[in-house]
C-alpha atoms as a PDB file:
ATOM      1  CA  GLU A   1     -23.628 -16.180  30.295  1.00  0.00           C
ATOM      2  CA  ALA A   2     -21.205 -17.280  26.884  1.00  0.00           C
ATOM      3  CA  PHE A   3     -18.704 -14.765  28.604  1.00  0.00           C
ATOM      4  CA  ILE A   4     -18.517 -16.682  31.526  1.00  0.00           C
ATOM      5  CA  ASP A   5     -18.745 -20.496  30.662  1.00  0.00           C
ATOM      6  CA  ASP A   6     -15.971 -19.176  28.433  1.00  0.00           C
ATOM      7  CA  ALA A   7     -13.860 -17.578  30.835  1.00  0.00           C
ATOM      8  CA  HIS A   8     -14.943 -20.614  33.362  1.00  0.00           C
ATOM      9  CA  THR A   9     -12.732 -22.516  31.016  1.00  0.00           C
ATOM     10  CA  LEU A  10     -10.349 -20.735  29.809  1.00  0.00           C
ATOM     11  CA  ILE A  11      -9.070 -19.977  33.501  1.00  0.00           C
ATOM     12  CA  ASN A  12      -8.973 -23.480  34.050  1.00  0.00           C
ATOM     13  CA  GLU A  13      -6.987 -24.479  30.998  1.00  0.00           C
ATOM     14  CA  LEU A  14      -4.358 -21.138  31.919  1.00  0.00           C
ATOM     15  CA  LYS A  15      -3.961 -22.677  35.588  1.00  0.00           C
ATOM     16  CA  GLU A  16      -3.008 -26.197  33.708  1.00  0.00           C
ATOM     17  CA  THR A  17      -0.812 -24.932  31.893  1.00  0.00           C
ATOM     18  CA  ILE A  18       1.589 -23.429  33.977  1.00  0.00           C
ATOM     19  CA  ALA A  19       1.413 -26.286  35.579  1.00  0.00           C
ATOM     20  CA  LYS A  20       3.167 -27.692  32.786  1.00  0.00           C
ATOM     21  CA  ASN A  21       5.586 -24.116  31.866  1.00  0.00           C
ATOM     22  CA  ASP A  22       3.524 -25.046  27.506  1.00  0.00           C
ATOM     23  CA  LEU A  23       4.675 -21.322  26.711  1.00  0.00           C
ATOM     24  CA  ASP A  24       3.313 -21.219  23.703  1.00  0.00           C
ATOM     25  CA  LYS A  25      -0.063 -22.007  25.224  1.00  0.00           C
ATOM     26  CA  ILE A  26      -0.034 -19.347  28.045  1.00  0.00           C
ATOM     27  CA  LYS A  27       0.519 -16.921  25.540  1.00  0.00           C
ATOM     28  CA  GLY A  28      -2.958 -17.670  23.425  1.00  0.00           C
ATOM     29  CA  ILE A  29      -5.304 -18.468  26.932  1.00  0.00           C
ATOM     30  CA  ALA A  30      -4.367 -15.026  28.028  1.00  0.00           C
ATOM     31  CA  HIS A  31      -5.259 -13.408  24.967  1.00  0.00           C
ATOM     32  CA  ALA A  32      -7.948 -15.375  24.162  1.00  0.00           C
ATOM     33  CA  ILE A  33      -9.308 -14.250  27.954  1.00  0.00           C
ATOM     34  CA  LYS A  34      -7.683 -10.658  27.300  1.00  0.00           C
ATOM     35  CA  GLY A  35     -10.317 -10.438  23.904  1.00  0.00           C
ATOM     36  CA  ALA A  36     -13.469 -11.668  25.550  1.00  0.00           C
ATOM     37  CA  SER A  37     -12.683  -9.580  29.144  1.00  0.00           C
ATOM     38  CA  ALA A  38     -12.857  -6.285  26.348  1.00  0.00           C
ATOM     39  CA  GLY A  39     -15.965  -7.837  24.371  1.00  0.00           C
ATOM     40  CA  ILE A  40     -17.951  -7.511  27.940  1.00  0.00           C
ATOM     41  CA  GLY A  41     -16.079  -4.347  29.010  1.00  0.00           C
ATOM     42  CA  ALA A  42     -14.359  -6.100  31.973  1.00  0.00           C
ATOM     43  CA  VAL A  43     -11.468  -4.180  32.295  1.00  0.00           C
ATOM     44  CA  ARG A  44      -9.264  -5.387  35.166  1.00  0.00           C
ATOM     45  CA  LEU A  45      -9.353  -8.255  33.936  1.00  0.00           C
ATOM     46  CA  MET A  46      -8.612  -7.910  30.418  1.00  0.00           C
ATOM     47  CA  GLU A  47      -5.704  -5.188  32.235  1.00  0.00           C
ATOM     48  CA  LYS A  48      -3.924  -9.075  34.233  1.00  0.00           C
ATOM     49  CA  ALA A  49      -4.807 -11.065  31.637  1.00  0.00           C
ATOM     50  CA  LEU A  50      -2.633  -8.234  29.045  1.00  0.00           C
ATOM     51  CA  MET A  51      -0.071  -8.065  31.737  1.00  0.00           C
ATOM     52  CA  LEU A  52      -0.037 -12.297  31.322  1.00  0.00           C
ATOM     53  CA  GLU A  53       0.959 -11.773  28.153  1.00  0.00           C
ATOM     54  CA  GLU A  54       3.657  -9.730  28.192  1.00  0.00           C
ATOM     55  CA  MET A  55       4.973 -11.210  30.402  1.00  0.00           C
ATOM     56  CA  ILE A  56       5.067 -14.643  28.013  1.00  0.00           C
ATOM     57  CA  LYS A  57       6.287 -12.448  24.900  1.00  0.00           C
ATOM     58  CA  SER A  58       9.437 -11.138  27.121  1.00  0.00           C
ATOM     59  CA  HIS A  59      10.670 -14.422  28.952  1.00  0.00           C
ATOM     60  CA  ASP A  60       9.734 -13.163  31.882  1.00  0.00           C
ATOM     61  CA  THR A  61       7.950 -15.911  34.083  1.00  0.00           C
ATOM     62  CA  ASN A  62       8.528 -14.948  37.704  1.00  0.00           C
ATOM     63  CA  ARG A  63       4.835 -13.898  38.810  1.00  0.00           C
ATOM     64  CA  SER A  64       2.867 -15.238  35.916  1.00  0.00           C
ATOM     65  CA  GLN A  65       1.579 -17.594  38.997  1.00  0.00           C
ATOM     66  CA  GLU A  66       0.607 -14.738  40.114  1.00  0.00           C
ATOM     67  CA  ILE A  67      -0.863 -13.274  37.510  1.00  0.00           C
ATOM     68  CA  VAL A  68      -3.295 -15.765  36.534  1.00  0.00           C
ATOM     69  CA  LYS A  69      -4.115 -16.111  40.862  1.00  0.00           C
ATOM     70  CA  GLU A  70      -5.186 -12.429  40.291  1.00  0.00           C
ATOM     71  CA  ILE A  71      -6.853 -13.008  36.606  1.00  0.00           C
ATOM     72  CA  GLU A  72      -9.001 -16.102  39.644  1.00  0.00           C
ATOM     73  CA  ILE A  73      -9.907 -13.063  41.928  1.00  0.00           C
ATOM     74  CA  GLU A  74     -11.773 -11.080  38.835  1.00  0.00           C
ATOM     75  CA  PHE A  75     -13.011 -13.403  37.368  1.00  0.00           C
ATOM     76  CA  GLN A  76     -14.314 -14.704  40.939  1.00  0.00           C
ATOM     77  CA  LYS A  77     -15.616 -10.160  41.504  1.00  0.00           C
ATOM     78  CA  LEU A  78     -17.573 -10.632  37.594  1.00  0.00           C
ATOM     79  CA  LEU A  79     -19.265 -13.631  39.583  1.00  0.00           C
ATOM     80  CA  ASP A  80     -20.094 -12.241  42.448  1.00  0.00           C
ATOM     81  CA  LEU A  81     -21.519  -8.906  40.097  1.00  0.00           C
ATOM     82  CA  HIS A  82     -23.158 -11.175  38.251  1.00  0.00           C
ATOM     83  CA  MET A  83     -24.956 -13.299  40.555  1.00  0.00           C
END
């Protein structure tokens, strides 16, 4: 339950931060999502967050919005399983 609340908040922050193109904050949020996901065994969500984190580290922002959408999809899948 705590993971769901935290992840939901982080994903909303991520969407806002992507719109502002704040790369350092995007990287930090992706890292937080990655860690939280790993902690509960949500491998696909963790992989998407890692992908976003690595893209931002290499200043490759071309697909960042697409990856954020994929993170949202993976999170929704977790919600669907949890309900």
